[in-house]
Amino acid sequence: MEKNQNVVYSGWKMNGFVMLFIVLLSYVAGPVIAGYGGANFSEPYDVIAIGVGVVIFLWAIIASCGFIMLEPNEARVLLFFGKYRGNFLQAGFWWVNPFMSKKNISLRARNLNAEPIKVNDKQGNPILIGLVLVWKIREEEIYKAVFDIDTPTVTGEVTVTASSRMKVLENFVAVQSDAALRQVAGIYAYDNNNGISGELTLRSNADEINEQLESRLNERLAMAGIEVVEARINYLAYAPEIAAVMLRRQQADAIISAREKIVEGAVSMVKMAIDKLSEDEVVELDEERKAAMVCNLLVVLCGDESAQPVVNTGTLHH
């Protein structure tokens, strides 16, 4: 069988309950045949009966090693003396060739909640970014997950268990997720305060960034037969060493934006006041007095604190 060829097992298999009945019957029949034949048959038939009984009993012992039980979204990778024979995917209680070695693998979805890591964005600002990832092994790529990713001996275990195999895959996913997250974070800026208007940023274009992240992860994890169900950035902030500076910058931007709105509204109100005074002929103002009125109104409307009125008891010229 060629490398990376993923197939479904099609060798010997039988309903586990039927085979269990046959095996239990063999456990009883073997000693009965050997005992009855040895006591009642003459030579050489007694030897033959004993041999048949022993063979049946030994067969029952060997056949007992062929039982497997699968839950939904589980699989067994079957090997015959080291040679890959396929994947067993049918849930239930089954019996297969007892000389097959079996590797357990889970096809269920798993979560990875990566701790925030420090990276530099496109503009060189240090940021903290983390992700949450949902992944699973593709049914069509079980071979890669089992044989293309090295599974070292864990804590002195001679036989690699399903648990240790999944831990190795989880570690592989964590390392590749870290690399993909660093790559995506370095392509985009945190925000567009210093960038080009309309440019994708980590802060304001979450959906597009998540799609990019998922695509990069699928490329990296394909070698292990792993499919990314969902990948999302779940933590994004400036690094502590620049967080205070960036906060002041954001506050300054907010103040400037608010001031622009205030000035725009004040100018509109002053213009409306002057036009209304002229239209209703309440008072006739020359250019100098209009300028003074505009100045006073702008001070009142744009000031941070309430203006204190001054009552003029003389004429307009004093």
Protein backbone atom coordinates (compact mmCIF):
# COMPACT_ATOMS: atom_id res chain seq x y z
CA MET A 1 0.00 0.00 0.00
CA GLU A 2 1.39 3.37 -1.00
CA LYS A 3 2.33 6.01 1.53
CA ASN A 4 -0.45 8.42 2.57
CA GLN A 5 -3.10 6.13 1.07
CA ASN A 6 -6.12 6.27 3.37
CA VAL A 7 -8.49 3.28 3.01
CA VAL A 8 -11.38 1.70 4.88
CA TYR A 9 -10.69 -1.77 6.31
CA SER A 10 -12.33 -4.50 4.23
CA GLY A 11 -10.77 -7.66 5.74
CA TRP A 12 -12.18 -10.24 8.13
CA LYS A 13 -14.89 -8.89 10.39
CA MET A 14 -17.97 -10.26 12.13
CA ASN A 15 -20.66 -9.08 14.49
CA GLY A 16 -19.08 -9.10 17.92
CA PHE A 17 -22.01 -10.76 19.71
CA VAL A 18 -22.11 -13.68 17.26
CA MET A 19 -18.37 -14.24 17.61
CA LEU A 20 -18.60 -13.87 21.39
CA PHE A 21 -21.09 -16.75 21.48
CA ILE A 22 -18.77 -18.89 19.31
CA VAL A 23 -15.74 -18.08 21.47
CA LEU A 24 -17.56 -18.87 24.73
CA LEU A 25 -18.80 -22.11 23.20
CA SER A 26 -15.21 -22.95 22.19
CA TYR A 27 -13.97 -22.29 25.72
CA VAL A 28 -16.44 -24.93 26.92
CA ALA A 29 -16.16 -27.33 24.00
CA GLY A 30 -12.36 -27.55 23.99
CA PRO A 31 -11.92 -28.98 27.51
CA VAL A 32 -15.01 -31.17 27.13
CA ILE A 33 -13.74 -32.76 23.91
CA ALA A 34 -10.25 -33.24 25.32
CA GLY A 35 -11.51 -34.72 28.60
CA TYR A 36 -14.17 -36.94 27.09
CA GLY A 37 -11.93 -38.21 24.30
CA GLY A 38 -9.00 -38.86 26.62
CA ALA A 39 -11.18 -40.86 28.99
CA ASN A 40 -13.32 -42.85 26.56
CA PHE A 41 -11.37 -43.24 23.33
CA SER A 42 -8.63 -45.78 22.74
CA GLU A 43 -5.31 -45.00 21.15
CA PRO A 44 -4.68 -43.17 18.89
CA TYR A 45 -8.15 -41.53 18.99
CA ASP A 46 -7.73 -40.34 22.54
CA VAL A 47 -4.63 -38.38 21.54
CA ILE A 48 -6.46 -36.94 18.54
CA ALA A 49 -9.43 -35.91 20.73
CA ILE A 50 -7.12 -34.29 23.26
CA GLY A 51 -5.28 -32.44 20.46
CA VAL A 52 -8.55 -31.21 18.91
CA GLY A 53 -9.77 -30.00 22.30
CA VAL A 54 -6.51 -28.16 22.98
CA VAL A 55 -6.57 -26.56 19.51
CA ILE A 56 -10.16 -25.39 20.00
CA PHE A 57 -9.30 -23.94 23.40
CA LEU A 58 -6.20 -22.16 22.06
CA TRP A 59 -8.19 -20.84 19.12
CA ALA A 60 -10.73 -19.38 21.56
CA ILE A 61 -7.92 -17.61 23.45
CA ILE A 62 -6.49 -16.14 20.24
CA ALA A 63 -9.93 -15.18 18.90
CA SER A 64 -10.65 -13.29 22.13
CA CYS A 65 -8.04 -10.72 21.06
CA GLY A 66 -10.06 -9.72 17.99
CA PHE A 67 -12.93 -7.91 19.71
CA ILE A 68 -13.23 -4.15 19.25
CA MET A 69 -15.90 -1.69 20.33
CA LEU A 70 -16.28 1.70 18.65
CA GLU A 71 -18.32 4.69 19.76
CA PRO A 72 -19.56 7.29 17.27
CA ASN A 73 -16.76 9.50 15.88
CA GLU A 74 -14.05 7.02 16.82
CA ALA A 75 -11.84 4.93 14.54
CA ARG A 76 -9.32 2.10 14.71
CA VAL A 77 -6.27 1.97 12.46
CA LEU A 78 -5.50 -1.70 11.75
CA LEU A 79 -2.05 -3.07 10.99
CA PHE A 80 -1.00 -6.62 10.17
CA PHE A 81 2.50 -7.11 11.56
CA GLY A 82 3.34 -3.47 10.85
CA LYS A 83 1.63 -3.30 7.45
CA TYR A 84 -1.23 -0.80 7.16
CA ARG A 85 -4.53 -2.51 6.35
CA GLY A 86 -7.04 0.33 6.67
CA ASN A 87 -9.29 2.20 9.05
CA PHE A 88 -12.24 0.64 10.87
CA LEU A 89 -15.00 3.25 11.24
CA GLN A 90 -18.23 1.35 11.99
CA ALA A 91 -19.56 2.06 15.48
CA GLY A 92 -20.62 -0.92 17.54
CA PHE A 93 -19.24 -4.25 18.83
CA TRP A 94 -17.17 -6.10 16.23
CA TRP A 95 -14.68 -8.91 15.77
CA VAL A 96 -11.76 -8.63 13.34
CA ASN A 97 -8.65 -10.66 12.59
CA PRO A 98 -7.04 -11.13 16.06
CA PHE A 99 -3.55 -10.80 14.58
CA MET A 100 -4.29 -7.19 13.66
CA SER A 101 -2.79 -4.53 15.91
CA LYS A 102 -5.17 -1.65 16.55
CA LYS A 103 -4.45 2.07 17.06
CA ASN A 104 -7.23 4.15 18.57
CA ILE A 105 -7.98 7.60 17.15
CA SER A 106 -10.74 10.10 17.95
CA LEU A 107 -12.55 12.01 15.22
CA ARG A 108 -14.37 14.31 17.62
CA ALA A 109 -13.94 18.08 17.56
CA ARG A 110 -11.51 19.58 20.08
CA ASN A 111 -10.93 23.10 21.40
CA LEU A 112 -7.69 25.01 21.73
CA ASN A 113 -7.83 28.22 23.77
CA ALA A 114 -4.36 29.66 23.12
CA GLU A 115 -2.87 31.98 25.71
CA PRO A 116 -2.21 35.52 24.38
CA ILE A 117 1.25 35.92 22.86
CA LYS A 118 3.27 39.08 22.29
CA VAL A 119 3.91 39.95 18.62
CA ASN A 120 4.65 43.05 16.55
CA ASP A 121 1.93 44.26 14.20
CA LYS A 122 2.56 45.69 10.73
CA GLN A 123 3.59 49.06 12.20
CA GLY A 124 5.98 47.47 14.70
CA ASN A 125 3.79 48.06 17.76
CA PRO A 126 4.00 45.26 20.36
CA ILE A 127 0.56 43.75 20.92
CA LEU A 128 -0.95 40.82 22.79
CA ILE A 129 -3.11 38.51 20.70
CA GLY A 130 -4.80 35.19 21.42
CA LEU A 131 -7.08 32.80 19.57
CA VAL A 132 -9.64 30.07 20.12
CA LEU A 133 -9.56 27.16 17.70
CA VAL A 134 -11.92 24.26 16.99
CA TRP A 135 -10.30 21.37 15.11
CA LYS A 136 -10.78 17.71 14.32
CA ILE A 137 -9.14 14.91 12.34
CA ARG A 138 -10.60 14.44 8.88
CA GLU A 139 -12.02 10.97 8.32
CA GLU A 140 -10.35 10.91 4.91
CA GLU A 141 -6.93 11.78 6.40
CA ILE A 142 -6.62 9.42 9.38
CA TYR A 143 -3.46 7.89 7.91
CA LYS A 144 -1.64 11.26 8.08
CA ALA A 145 -2.71 11.90 11.67
CA VAL A 146 -1.38 8.53 12.83
CA PHE A 147 1.68 7.93 10.66
CA ASP A 148 2.90 11.32 9.39
CA ILE A 149 3.19 12.97 12.82
CA ASP A 150 5.83 11.52 15.11
CA THR A 151 4.48 10.11 18.35
CA PRO A 152 7.38 9.77 20.79
CA THR A 153 7.32 7.60 23.88
CA VAL A 154 5.52 9.51 26.64
CA THR A 155 6.86 9.21 30.22
CA GLY A 156 8.53 5.90 29.56
CA GLU A 157 5.52 4.19 27.94
CA VAL A 158 6.50 1.42 25.56
CA THR A 159 3.08 1.34 23.87
CA VAL A 160 1.66 4.62 22.67
CA THR A 161 -1.91 4.98 23.91
CA ALA A 162 -4.76 6.84 22.28
CA SER A 163 -4.49 9.52 24.96
CA SER A 164 -0.78 10.13 24.38
CA ARG A 165 -1.29 10.14 20.60
CA MET A 166 -3.98 12.83 20.90
CA LYS A 167 -1.70 14.84 23.23
CA VAL A 168 0.97 14.83 20.54
CA LEU A 169 -1.58 16.07 17.98
CA GLU A 170 -2.78 18.73 20.41
CA ASN A 171 0.81 19.90 20.88
CA PHE A 172 1.29 19.97 17.09
CA VAL A 173 -1.87 22.07 16.68
CA ALA A 174 -0.75 24.45 19.44
CA VAL A 175 2.69 25.03 17.87
CA GLN A 176 1.30 25.55 14.37
CA SER A 177 -1.45 27.85 15.70
CA ASP A 178 1.16 29.99 17.40
CA ALA A 179 3.13 30.28 14.15
CA ALA A 180 0.03 31.08 12.07
CA LEU A 181 -1.14 33.70 14.57
CA ARG A 182 2.26 35.43 14.52
CA GLN A 183 2.23 35.42 10.72
CA VAL A 184 -1.25 36.95 10.42
CA ALA A 185 -0.66 39.52 13.18
CA GLY A 186 2.51 40.72 11.44
CA ILE A 187 0.67 41.41 8.18
CA TYR A 188 -1.93 43.81 9.59
CA ALA A 189 -1.86 46.88 11.80
CA TYR A 190 -3.61 46.98 15.16
CA ASP A 191 -5.77 49.90 14.00
CA ASN A 192 -5.73 52.50 11.22
CA ASN A 193 -4.74 55.55 13.28
CA ASN A 194 -1.42 55.72 11.47
CA GLY A 195 -2.37 53.71 8.43
CA ILE A 196 -4.20 54.16 5.17
CA SER A 197 -7.93 54.75 5.43
CA GLY A 198 -9.85 51.60 4.46
CA GLU A 199 -6.92 49.27 5.15
CA LEU A 200 -7.72 46.00 6.94
CA THR A 201 -6.78 46.10 10.63
CA LEU A 202 -6.82 43.58 13.45
CA ARG A 203 -9.18 45.68 15.52
CA SER A 204 -11.83 46.76 13.02
CA ASN A 205 -11.97 43.87 10.51
CA ALA A 206 -12.47 40.81 12.71
CA ASP A 207 -14.34 38.67 10.15
CA GLU A 208 -11.79 39.16 7.38
CA ILE A 209 -8.86 38.55 9.75
CA ASN A 210 -10.47 35.38 11.10
CA GLU A 211 -10.90 34.08 7.56
CA GLN A 212 -7.22 34.73 6.86
CA LEU A 213 -6.24 33.01 10.11
CA GLU A 214 -8.40 29.96 9.36
CA SER A 215 -6.91 29.68 5.88
CA ARG A 216 -3.32 29.82 7.19
CA LEU A 217 -4.10 27.23 9.85
CA ASN A 218 -5.65 24.83 7.34
CA GLU A 219 -2.51 25.10 5.20
CA ARG A 220 -0.25 24.31 8.16
CA LEU A 221 -2.35 21.51 9.65
CA ALA A 222 -3.12 19.72 6.38
CA MET A 223 0.05 17.63 6.75
CA ALA A 224 -1.46 16.06 9.88
CA GLY A 225 -4.88 15.39 8.34
CA ILE A 226 -6.45 18.02 10.62
CA GLU A 227 -9.33 20.27 9.60
CA VAL A 228 -9.97 23.65 11.22
CA VAL A 229 -13.68 23.97 11.97
CA GLU A 230 -13.41 27.52 13.31
CA ALA A 231 -10.64 29.93 14.28
CA ARG A 232 -11.20 33.30 15.92
CA ILE A 233 -9.10 35.96 17.62
CA ASN A 234 -10.48 36.13 21.16
CA TYR A 235 -7.99 38.55 22.74
CA LEU A 236 -6.42 41.69 21.31
CA ALA A 237 -4.68 44.49 23.20
CA TYR A 238 -1.55 46.61 23.20
CA ALA A 239 1.39 45.23 25.16
CA PRO A 240 1.68 46.66 28.71
CA GLU A 241 4.79 48.73 27.91
CA ILE A 242 2.93 50.90 25.38
CA ALA A 243 -0.67 50.51 26.56
CA ALA A 244 -0.64 53.76 28.57
CA VAL A 245 0.83 55.76 25.68
CA MET A 246 -1.67 54.32 23.21
CA LEU A 247 -4.51 55.05 25.62
CA ARG A 248 -3.48 58.71 25.78
CA ARG A 249 -3.29 58.80 22.00
CA GLN A 250 -6.78 57.35 21.72
CA GLN A 251 -8.02 59.88 24.27
CA ALA A 252 -6.41 62.71 22.29
CA ASP A 253 -8.03 61.43 19.08
CA ALA A 254 -11.38 61.30 20.84
CA ILE A 255 -10.95 64.87 22.19
CA ILE A 256 -9.98 66.18 18.74
CA SER A 257 -12.96 64.47 17.16
CA ALA A 258 -15.27 65.89 19.82
CA ARG A 259 -13.79 69.38 19.37
CA GLU A 260 -14.38 69.21 15.63
CA LYS A 261 -18.04 68.42 16.23
CA ILE A 262 -18.35 71.20 18.81
CA VAL A 263 -16.74 73.82 16.55
CA GLU A 264 -18.82 72.72 13.59
CA GLY A 265 -22.00 73.05 15.65
CA ALA A 266 -20.93 76.39 17.17
CA VAL A 267 -20.22 77.96 13.77
CA SER A 268 -23.59 76.77 12.52
CA MET A 269 -25.36 78.26 15.57
CA VAL A 270 -23.54 81.63 15.26
CA LYS A 271 -24.41 81.87 11.57
CA MET A 272 -28.02 81.07 12.34
CA ALA A 273 -28.12 83.75 15.11
CA ILE A 274 -26.68 86.48 12.90
CA ASP A 275 -28.99 85.56 10.00
CA LYS A 276 -32.00 85.54 12.32
CA LEU A 277 -31.14 88.95 13.82
CA SER A 278 -30.76 90.47 10.35
CA GLU A 279 -33.89 88.80 8.98
CA ASP A 280 -36.11 89.94 11.87
CA GLU A 281 -34.43 93.38 11.97
CA VAL A 282 -33.94 93.08 15.72
CA VAL A 283 -30.70 95.03 15.65
CA GLU A 284 -28.49 96.42 12.95
CA LEU A 285 -24.85 95.41 13.35
CA ASP A 286 -21.83 96.62 11.43
CA GLU A 287 -18.96 94.28 10.56
CA GLU A 288 -16.99 95.15 13.69
CA ARG A 289 -19.90 94.37 16.01
CA LYS A 290 -20.65 91.18 14.09
CA ALA A 291 -17.05 90.11 14.62
CA ALA A 292 -17.30 90.84 18.33
CA MET A 293 -20.57 88.93 18.57
CA VAL A 294 -19.11 85.95 16.72
CA CYS A 295 -16.10 85.93 19.03
CA ASN A 296 -18.26 86.06 22.16
CA LEU A 297 -20.64 83.34 20.98
CA LEU A 298 -17.79 81.01 19.99
CA VAL A 299 -16.18 81.47 23.40
CA VAL A 300 -19.48 80.60 25.10
CA LEU A 301 -20.29 77.64 22.87
CA CYS A 302 -16.79 76.12 22.59
CA GLY A 303 -15.55 76.69 26.14
CA ASP A 304 -15.04 73.77 28.52
CA GLU A 305 -16.53 75.75 31.41
CA SER A 306 -19.66 77.84 31.69
CA ALA A 307 -19.14 81.47 30.62
CA GLN A 308 -19.56 84.20 33.23
CA PRO A 309 -21.79 87.02 31.85
CA VAL A 310 -20.64 90.62 32.13
CA VAL A 311 -23.39 93.27 32.20
CA ASN A 312 -22.52 96.40 30.22
CA THR A 313 -24.24 99.42 31.88
CA GLY A 314 -22.90 101.90 29.39
CA THR A 315 -23.23 102.16 25.64
CA LEU A 316 -22.03 99.71 23.05
CA HIS A 317 -19.01 101.98 22.46
CA HIS A 318 -17.88 102.02 26.12
